[in-house]
Amino acid sequence: MLSTLELRHIIESAFLPLSCECRVNPGGSLQAQIFEPVSGRVELLVTGISTAKLNGNREISKLIAGIRYDLKATHVLRPDLRIR
């Protein structure tokens, strides 16, 4: 199983060129805040991410894909927002 630090690094790196900051909540779940690095505008906030289910590459990839989908869905009218 990955450490929380490794998991945070993987998730935070997945959304470049946007910035992503993960925080561990007291109950052990993660919160991911994705924001535009220049303005600081929050583009998406995901809470309640269970770390217990993120024990392999497939699960982490599914989480990142789901967050990217939500990010794109919330910004259909924002062609200036670039998401990989």
PDB file of N, CA and C in Angstrom:
ATOM      1  N   MET A   1       0.843  -1.181   0.000  1.00  0.00           N
ATOM      2  CA  MET A   1       0.000   0.000   0.000  1.00  0.00           C
ATOM      3  C   MET A   1       0.891   1.247   0.000  1.00  0.00           C
ATOM      4  N   LEU A   2       0.467   2.242  -0.743  1.00  0.00           N
ATOM      5  CA  LEU A   2       1.214   3.494  -0.826  1.00  0.00           C
ATOM      6  C   LEU A   2       1.028   4.325   0.438  1.00  0.00           C
ATOM      7  N   SER A   3       2.039   5.080   0.760  1.00  0.00           N
ATOM      8  CA  SER A   3       1.907   6.008   1.877  1.00  0.00           C
ATOM      9  C   SER A   3       1.030   7.181   1.438  1.00  0.00           C
ATOM     10  N   THR A   4       0.509   7.891   2.397  1.00  0.00           N
ATOM     11  CA  THR A   4      -0.317   9.059   2.102  1.00  0.00           C
ATOM     12  C   THR A   4       0.475  10.102   1.322  1.00  0.00           C
ATOM     13  N   LEU A   5       1.730  10.253   1.665  1.00  0.00           N
ATOM     14  CA  LEU A   5       2.590  11.215   0.969  1.00  0.00           C
ATOM     15  C   LEU A   5       2.750  10.849  -0.507  1.00  0.00           C
ATOM     16  N   GLU A   6       2.980   9.563  -0.791  1.00  0.00           N
ATOM     17  CA  GLU A   6       3.106   9.109  -2.186  1.00  0.00           C
ATOM     18  C   GLU A   6       1.799   9.283  -2.941  1.00  0.00           C
ATOM     19  N   LEU A   7       0.700   8.940  -2.301  1.00  0.00           N
ATOM     20  CA  LEU A   7      -0.612   9.072  -2.911  1.00  0.00           C
ATOM     21  C   LEU A   7      -0.917  10.524  -3.236  1.00  0.00           C
ATOM     22  N   ARG A   8      -0.636  11.408  -2.310  1.00  0.00           N
ATOM     23  CA  ARG A   8      -0.839  12.842  -2.541  1.00  0.00           C
ATOM     24  C   ARG A   8      -0.016  13.320  -3.734  1.00  0.00           C
ATOM     25  N   HIS A   9       1.240  12.901  -3.814  1.00  0.00           N
ATOM     26  CA  HIS A   9       2.109  13.320  -4.914  1.00  0.00           C
ATOM     27  C   HIS A   9       1.550  12.862  -6.262  1.00  0.00           C
ATOM     28  N   ILE A  10       1.092  11.630  -6.348  1.00  0.00           N
ATOM     29  CA  ILE A  10       0.534  11.103  -7.596  1.00  0.00           C
ATOM     30  C   ILE A  10      -0.691  11.910  -8.021  1.00  0.00           C
ATOM     31  N   ILE A  11      -1.590  12.134  -7.100  1.00  0.00           N
ATOM     32  CA  ILE A  11      -2.823  12.866  -7.419  1.00  0.00           C
ATOM     33  C   ILE A  11      -2.507  14.316  -7.771  1.00  0.00           C
ATOM     34  N   GLU A  12      -1.672  14.967  -6.992  1.00  0.00           N
ATOM     35  CA  GLU A  12      -1.355  16.378  -7.238  1.00  0.00           C
ATOM     36  C   GLU A  12      -0.656  16.579  -8.579  1.00  0.00           C
ATOM     37  N   SER A  13       0.150  15.618  -8.993  1.00  0.00           N
ATOM     38  CA  SER A  13       0.873  15.729 -10.264  1.00  0.00           C
ATOM     39  C   SER A  13      -0.015  15.457 -11.473  1.00  0.00           C
ATOM     40  N   ALA A  14      -1.136  14.834 -11.272  1.00  0.00           N
ATOM     41  CA  ALA A  14      -1.984  14.394 -12.381  1.00  0.00           C
ATOM     42  C   ALA A  14      -2.749  15.524 -13.073  1.00  0.00           C
ATOM     43  N   PHE A  15      -2.786  16.698 -12.484  1.00  0.00           N
ATOM     44  CA  PHE A  15      -3.643  17.755 -13.022  1.00  0.00           C
ATOM     45  C   PHE A  15      -2.880  18.952 -13.583  1.00  0.00           C
ATOM     46  N   LEU A  16      -1.590  18.788 -13.794  1.00  0.00           N
ATOM     47  CA  LEU A  16      -0.807  19.861 -14.402  1.00  0.00           C
ATOM     48  C   LEU A  16      -1.350  20.187 -15.780  1.00  0.00           C
ATOM     49  N   PRO A  17      -1.434  21.407 -16.224  1.00  0.00           N
ATOM     50  CA  PRO A  17      -0.808  22.604 -15.689  1.00  0.00           C
ATOM     51  C   PRO A  17      -1.603  23.277 -14.569  1.00  0.00           C
ATOM     52  N   LEU A  18      -2.791  22.739 -14.215  1.00  0.00           N
ATOM     53  CA  LEU A  18      -3.487  23.268 -13.053  1.00  0.00           C
ATOM     54  C   LEU A  18      -2.734  22.817 -11.806  1.00  0.00           C
ATOM     55  N   SER A  19      -3.030  23.446 -10.703  1.00  0.00           N
ATOM     56  CA  SER A  19      -2.431  23.043  -9.438  1.00  0.00           C
ATOM     57  C   SER A  19      -3.448  22.211  -8.669  1.00  0.00           C
ATOM     58  N   CYS A  20      -2.945  21.272  -7.910  1.00  0.00           N
ATOM     59  CA  CYS A  20      -3.803  20.429  -7.084  1.00  0.00           C
ATOM     60  C   CYS A  20      -3.147  20.302  -5.723  1.00  0.00           C
ATOM     61  N   GLU A  21      -3.942  20.462  -4.706  1.00  0.00           N
ATOM     62  CA  GLU A  21      -3.451  20.322  -3.334  1.00  0.00           C
ATOM     63  C   GLU A  21      -4.334  19.319  -2.612  1.00  0.00           C
ATOM     64  N   CYS A  22      -3.725  18.269  -2.093  1.00  0.00           N
ATOM     65  CA  CYS A  22      -4.457  17.252  -1.344  1.00  0.00           C
ATOM     66  C   CYS A  22      -4.215  17.444   0.143  1.00  0.00           C
ATOM     67  N   ARG A  23      -5.254  17.243   0.905  1.00  0.00           N
ATOM     68  CA  ARG A  23      -5.153  17.318   2.361  1.00  0.00           C
ATOM     69  C   ARG A  23      -5.738  16.042   2.945  1.00  0.00           C
ATOM     70  N   VAL A  24      -5.138  15.575   4.009  1.00  0.00           N
ATOM     71  CA  VAL A  24      -5.663  14.416   4.712  1.00  0.00           C
ATOM     72  C   VAL A  24      -6.557  14.920   5.836  1.00  0.00           C
ATOM     73  N   ASN A  25      -7.796  14.479   5.842  1.00  0.00           N
ATOM     74  CA  ASN A  25      -8.742  14.865   6.880  1.00  0.00           C
ATOM     75  C   ASN A  25      -8.538  13.977   8.112  1.00  0.00           C
ATOM     76  N   PRO A  26      -8.999  14.426   9.279  1.00  0.00           N
ATOM     77  CA  PRO A  26      -8.795  13.659  10.510  1.00  0.00           C
ATOM     78  C   PRO A  26      -9.272  12.209  10.433  1.00  0.00           C
ATOM     79  N   GLY A  27     -10.312  11.932   9.684  1.00  0.00           N
ATOM     80  CA  GLY A  27     -10.823  10.568   9.561  1.00  0.00           C
ATOM     81  C   GLY A  27     -10.025   9.700   8.602  1.00  0.00           C
ATOM     82  N   GLY A  28      -9.007  10.280   7.955  1.00  0.00           N
ATOM     83  CA  GLY A  28      -8.180   9.524   7.033  1.00  0.00           C
ATOM     84  C   GLY A  28      -8.554   9.680   5.574  1.00  0.00           C
ATOM     85  N   SER A  29      -9.625  10.386   5.298  1.00  0.00           N
ATOM     86  CA  SER A  29     -10.005  10.593   3.896  1.00  0.00           C
ATOM     87  C   SER A  29      -9.224  11.776   3.330  1.00  0.00           C
ATOM     88  N   LEU A  30      -9.157  11.827   1.996  1.00  0.00           N
ATOM     89  CA  LEU A  30      -8.457  12.913   1.317  1.00  0.00           C
ATOM     90  C   LEU A  30      -9.432  13.943   0.788  1.00  0.00           C
ATOM     91  N   GLN A  31      -8.936  15.151   0.654  1.00  0.00           N
ATOM     92  CA  GLN A  31      -9.649  16.240  -0.001  1.00  0.00           C
ATOM     93  C   GLN A  31      -8.711  16.783  -1.069  1.00  0.00           C
ATOM     94  N   ALA A  32      -9.193  16.893  -2.299  1.00  0.00           N
ATOM     95  CA  ALA A  32      -8.376  17.413  -3.391  1.00  0.00           C
ATOM     96  C   ALA A  32      -8.979  18.727  -3.882  1.00  0.00           C
ATOM     97  N   GLN A  33      -8.160  19.753  -3.884  1.00  0.00           N
ATOM     98  CA  GLN A  33      -8.577  21.061  -4.370  1.00  0.00           C
ATOM     99  C   GLN A  33      -7.760  21.356  -5.621  1.00  0.00           C
ATOM    100  N   ILE A  34      -8.453  21.533  -6.748  1.00  0.00           N
ATOM    101  CA  ILE A  34      -7.791  21.803  -8.015  1.00  0.00           C
ATOM    102  C   ILE A  34      -8.051  23.264  -8.345  1.00  0.00           C
ATOM    103  N   PHE A  35      -6.964  23.989  -8.625  1.00  0.00           N
ATOM    104  CA  PHE A  35      -7.111  25.420  -8.837  1.00  0.00           C
ATOM    105  C   PHE A  35      -6.175  25.920  -9.917  1.00  0.00           C
ATOM    106  N   GLU A  36      -6.499  27.082 -10.443  1.00  0.00           N
ATOM    107  CA  GLU A  36      -5.686  27.742 -11.461  1.00  0.00           C
ATOM    108  C   GLU A  36      -4.531  28.406 -10.727  1.00  0.00           C
ATOM    109  N   PRO A  37      -3.280  28.060 -11.083  1.00  0.00           N
ATOM    110  CA  PRO A  37      -2.136  28.519 -10.286  1.00  0.00           C
ATOM    111  C   PRO A  37      -1.894  30.020 -10.302  1.00  0.00           C
ATOM    112  N   VAL A  38      -2.214  30.710 -11.368  1.00  0.00           N
ATOM    113  CA  VAL A  38      -1.940  32.145 -11.438  1.00  0.00           C
ATOM    114  C   VAL A  38      -2.952  32.943 -10.618  1.00  0.00           C
ATOM    115  N   SER A  39      -4.237  32.676 -10.853  1.00  0.00           N
ATOM    116  CA  SER A  39      -5.276  33.446 -10.168  1.00  0.00           C
ATOM    117  C   SER A  39      -5.645  32.857  -8.809  1.00  0.00           C
ATOM    118  N   GLY A  40      -5.393  31.566  -8.625  1.00  0.00           N
ATOM    119  CA  GLY A  40      -5.796  30.907  -7.393  1.00  0.00           C
ATOM    120  C   GLY A  40      -7.248  30.486  -7.384  1.00  0.00           C
ATOM    121  N   ARG A  41      -7.931  30.676  -8.505  1.00  0.00           N
ATOM    122  CA  ARG A  41      -9.349  30.327  -8.598  1.00  0.00           C
ATOM    123  C   ARG A  41      -9.538  28.820  -8.475  1.00  0.00           C
ATOM    124  N   VAL A  42     -10.384  28.410  -7.537  1.00  0.00           N
ATOM    125  CA  VAL A  42     -10.663  26.992  -7.325  1.00  0.00           C
ATOM    126  C   VAL A  42     -11.569  26.508  -8.446  1.00  0.00           C
ATOM    127  N   GLU A  43     -11.110  25.486  -9.162  1.00  0.00           N
ATOM    128  CA  GLU A  43     -11.868  24.925 -10.272  1.00  0.00           C
ATOM    129  C   GLU A  43     -12.728  23.754  -9.825  1.00  0.00           C
ATOM    130  N   LEU A  44     -12.249  22.993  -8.846  1.00  0.00           N
ATOM    131  CA  LEU A  44     -13.005  21.837  -8.352  1.00  0.00           C
ATOM    132  C   LEU A  44     -12.492  21.465  -6.972  1.00  0.00           C
ATOM    133  N   LEU A  45     -13.401  21.092  -6.097  1.00  0.00           N
ATOM    134  CA  LEU A  45     -13.063  20.619  -4.762  1.00  0.00           C
ATOM    135  C   LEU A  45     -13.727  19.261  -4.578  1.00  0.00           C
ATOM    136  N   VAL A  46     -12.920  18.249  -4.308  1.00  0.00           N
ATOM    137  CA  VAL A  46     -13.428  16.894  -4.108  1.00  0.00           C
ATOM    138  C   VAL A  46     -13.116  16.496  -2.677  1.00  0.00           C
ATOM    139  N   THR A  47     -14.134  16.094  -1.945  1.00  0.00           N
ATOM    140  CA  THR A  47     -13.947  15.720  -0.546  1.00  0.00           C
ATOM    141  C   THR A  47     -14.343  14.254  -0.333  1.00  0.00           C
ATOM    142  N   GLY A  48     -13.927  13.720   0.776  1.00  0.00           N
ATOM    143  CA  GLY A  48     -14.343  12.374   1.157  1.00  0.00           C
ATOM    144  C   GLY A  48     -13.741  11.258   0.324  1.00  0.00           C
ATOM    145  N   ILE A  49     -12.544  11.448  -0.195  1.00  0.00           N
ATOM    146  CA  ILE A  49     -11.880  10.410  -0.976  1.00  0.00           C
ATOM    147  C   ILE A  49     -11.320   9.373  -0.002  1.00  0.00           C
ATOM    148  N   SER A  50     -11.819   8.169  -0.086  1.00  0.00           N
ATOM    149  CA  SER A  50     -11.378   7.107   0.814  1.00  0.00           C
ATOM    150  C   SER A  50     -10.019   6.579   0.378  1.00  0.00           C
ATOM    151  N   THR A  51      -9.049   6.660   1.271  1.00  0.00           N
ATOM    152  CA  THR A  51      -7.720   6.143   0.949  1.00  0.00           C
ATOM    153  C   THR A  51      -7.666   4.622   1.054  1.00  0.00           C
ATOM    154  N   ALA A  52      -8.608   4.027   1.758  1.00  0.00           N
ATOM    155  CA  ALA A  52      -8.631   2.573   1.923  1.00  0.00           C
ATOM    156  C   ALA A  52      -8.817   1.858   0.587  1.00  0.00           C
ATOM    157  N   LYS A  53      -9.504   2.499  -0.341  1.00  0.00           N
ATOM    158  CA  LYS A  53      -9.773   1.876  -1.638  1.00  0.00           C
ATOM    159  C   LYS A  53      -8.689   2.174  -2.671  1.00  0.00           C
ATOM    160  N   LEU A  54      -7.736   3.018  -2.339  1.00  0.00           N
ATOM    161  CA  LEU A  54      -6.697   3.413  -3.294  1.00  0.00           C
ATOM    162  C   LEU A  54      -5.419   2.630  -3.026  1.00  0.00           C
ATOM    163  N   ASN A  55      -5.486   1.318  -3.248  1.00  0.00           N
ATOM    164  CA  ASN A  55      -4.343   0.468  -2.920  1.00  0.00           C
ATOM    165  C   ASN A  55      -3.593  -0.057  -4.138  1.00  0.00           C
ATOM    166  N   GLY A  56      -3.848   0.506  -5.304  1.00  0.00           N
ATOM    167  CA  GLY A  56      -3.130   0.066  -6.500  1.00  0.00           C
ATOM    168  C   GLY A  56      -3.261   1.079  -7.622  1.00  0.00           C
ATOM    169  N   ASN A  57      -2.473   0.856  -8.669  1.00  0.00           N
ATOM    170  CA  ASN A  57      -2.477   1.790  -9.802  1.00  0.00           C
ATOM    171  C   ASN A  57      -3.841   1.924 -10.454  1.00  0.00           C
ATOM    172  N   ARG A  58      -4.546   0.822 -10.600  1.00  0.00           N
ATOM    173  CA  ARG A  58      -5.859   0.857 -11.256  1.00  0.00           C
ATOM    174  C   ARG A  58      -6.843   1.738 -10.490  1.00  0.00           C
ATOM    175  N   GLU A  59      -6.892   1.582  -9.188  1.00  0.00           N
ATOM    176  CA  GLU A  59      -7.817   2.367  -8.369  1.00  0.00           C
ATOM    177  C   GLU A  59      -7.462   3.853  -8.400  1.00  0.00           C
ATOM    178  N   ILE A  60      -6.169   4.146  -8.335  1.00  0.00           N
ATOM    179  CA  ILE A  60      -5.724   5.543  -8.380  1.00  0.00           C
ATOM    180  C   ILE A  60      -6.033   6.149  -9.746  1.00  0.00           C
ATOM    181  N   SER A  61      -5.796   5.389 -10.809  1.00  0.00           N
ATOM    182  CA  SER A  61      -6.092   5.864 -12.165  1.00  0.00           C
ATOM    183  C   SER A  61      -7.582   6.125 -12.350  1.00  0.00           C
ATOM    184  N   LYS A  62      -8.423   5.255 -11.797  1.00  0.00           N
ATOM    185  CA  LYS A  62      -9.878   5.459 -11.877  1.00  0.00           C
ATOM    186  C   LYS A  62     -10.286   6.736 -11.147  1.00  0.00           C
ATOM    187  N   LEU A  63      -9.698   6.960  -9.980  1.00  0.00           N
ATOM    188  CA  LEU A  63     -10.003   8.179  -9.226  1.00  0.00           C
ATOM    189  C   LEU A  63      -9.617   9.413 -10.031  1.00  0.00           C
ATOM    190  N   ILE A  64      -8.419   9.430 -10.578  1.00  0.00           N
ATOM    191  CA  ILE A  64      -7.946  10.579 -11.351  1.00  0.00           C
ATOM    192  C   ILE A  64      -8.812  10.788 -12.584  1.00  0.00           C
ATOM    193  N   ALA A  65      -9.167   9.708 -13.268  1.00  0.00           N
ATOM    194  CA  ALA A  65     -10.039   9.813 -14.453  1.00  0.00           C
ATOM    195  C   ALA A  65     -11.406  10.388 -14.071  1.00  0.00           C
ATOM    196  N   GLY A  66     -11.930   9.958 -12.947  1.00  0.00           N
ATOM    197  CA  GLY A  66     -13.223  10.472 -12.493  1.00  0.00           C
ATOM    198  C   GLY A  66     -13.172  11.953 -12.151  1.00  0.00           C
ATOM    199  N   ILE A  67     -12.102  12.363 -11.511  1.00  0.00           N
ATOM    200  CA  ILE A  67     -11.947  13.778 -11.167  1.00  0.00           C
ATOM    201  C   ILE A  67     -11.774  14.609 -12.441  1.00  0.00           C
ATOM    202  N   ARG A  68     -10.983  14.110 -13.391  1.00  0.00           N
ATOM    203  CA  ARG A  68     -10.816  14.825 -14.664  1.00  0.00           C
ATOM    204  C   ARG A  68     -12.144  14.956 -15.395  1.00  0.00           C
ATOM    205  N   TYR A  69     -12.936  13.900 -15.374  1.00  0.00           N
ATOM    206  CA  TYR A  69     -14.260  13.945 -16.014  1.00  0.00           C
ATOM    207  C   TYR A  69     -15.115  15.031 -15.372  1.00  0.00           C
ATOM    208  N   ASP A  70     -15.154  15.050 -14.038  1.00  0.00           N
ATOM    209  CA  ASP A  70     -15.936  16.066 -13.330  1.00  0.00           C
ATOM    210  C   ASP A  70     -15.406  17.467 -13.629  1.00  0.00           C
ATOM    211  N   LEU A  71     -14.105  17.606 -13.688  1.00  0.00           N
ATOM    212  CA  LEU A  71     -13.492  18.900 -13.967  1.00  0.00           C
ATOM    213  C   LEU A  71     -13.876  19.395 -15.359  1.00  0.00           C
ATOM    214  N   LYS A  72     -13.807  18.503 -16.337  1.00  0.00           N
ATOM    215  CA  LYS A  72     -14.183  18.875 -17.703  1.00  0.00           C
ATOM    216  C   LYS A  72     -15.671  19.175 -17.798  1.00  0.00           C
ATOM    217  N   ALA A  73     -16.492  18.383 -17.111  1.00  0.00           N
ATOM    218  CA  ALA A  73     -17.941  18.578 -17.158  1.00  0.00           C
ATOM    219  C   ALA A  73     -18.357  19.917 -16.556  1.00  0.00           C
ATOM    220  N   THR A  74     -17.633  20.374 -15.559  1.00  0.00           N
ATOM    221  CA  THR A  74     -17.992  21.644 -14.942  1.00  0.00           C
ATOM    222  C   THR A  74     -17.460  22.842 -15.721  1.00  0.00           C
ATOM    223  N   HIS A  75     -16.626  22.579 -16.734  1.00  0.00           N
ATOM    224  CA  HIS A  75     -16.014  23.674 -17.480  1.00  0.00           C
ATOM    225  C   HIS A  75     -16.234  23.571 -18.988  1.00  0.00           C
ATOM    226  N   VAL A  76     -17.383  23.056 -19.373  1.00  0.00           N
ATOM    227  CA  VAL A  76     -17.699  22.932 -20.797  1.00  0.00           C
ATOM    228  C   VAL A  76     -17.654  24.293 -21.469  1.00  0.00           C
ATOM    229  N   LEU A  77     -18.046  25.310 -20.785  1.00  0.00           N
ATOM    230  CA  LEU A  77     -18.087  26.663 -21.360  1.00  0.00           C
ATOM    231  C   LEU A  77     -16.810  27.437 -21.131  1.00  0.00           C
ATOM    232  N   ARG A  78     -15.765  26.755 -20.661  1.00  0.00           N
ATOM    233  CA  ARG A  78     -14.489  27.431 -20.379  1.00  0.00           C
ATOM    234  C   ARG A  78     -13.399  26.906 -21.297  1.00  0.00           C
ATOM    235  N   PRO A  79     -13.346  27.347 -22.551  1.00  0.00           N
ATOM    236  CA  PRO A  79     -12.310  26.852 -23.453  1.00  0.00           C
ATOM    237  C   PRO A  79     -10.902  27.261 -23.042  1.00  0.00           C
ATOM    238  N   ASP A  80     -10.779  28.242 -22.168  1.00  0.00           N
ATOM    239  CA  ASP A  80      -9.455  28.684 -21.721  1.00  0.00           C
ATOM    240  C   ASP A  80      -8.836  27.716 -20.711  1.00  0.00           C
ATOM    241  N   LEU A  81      -9.652  26.847 -20.126  1.00  0.00           N
ATOM    242  CA  LEU A  81      -9.152  25.901 -19.142  1.00  0.00           C
ATOM    243  C   LEU A  81      -8.589  24.694 -19.857  1.00  0.00           C
ATOM    244  N   ARG A  82      -7.319  24.433 -19.647  1.00  0.00           N
ATOM    245  CA  ARG A  82      -6.638  23.322 -20.330  1.00  0.00           C
ATOM    246  C   ARG A  82      -6.435  22.172 -19.362  1.00  0.00           C
ATOM    247  N   ILE A  83      -7.011  21.031 -19.694  1.00  0.00           N
ATOM    248  CA  ILE A  83      -6.905  19.840 -18.874  1.00  0.00           C
ATOM    249  C   ILE A  83      -6.385  18.716 -19.745  1.00  0.00           C
ATOM    250  N   ARG A  84      -5.406  18.002 -19.261  1.00  0.00           N
ATOM    251  CA  ARG A  84      -4.871  16.862 -20.012  1.00  0.00           C
ATOM    252  C   ARG A  84      -5.881  15.778 -20.120  1.00  0.00           C
TER     253      ARG A  84
END
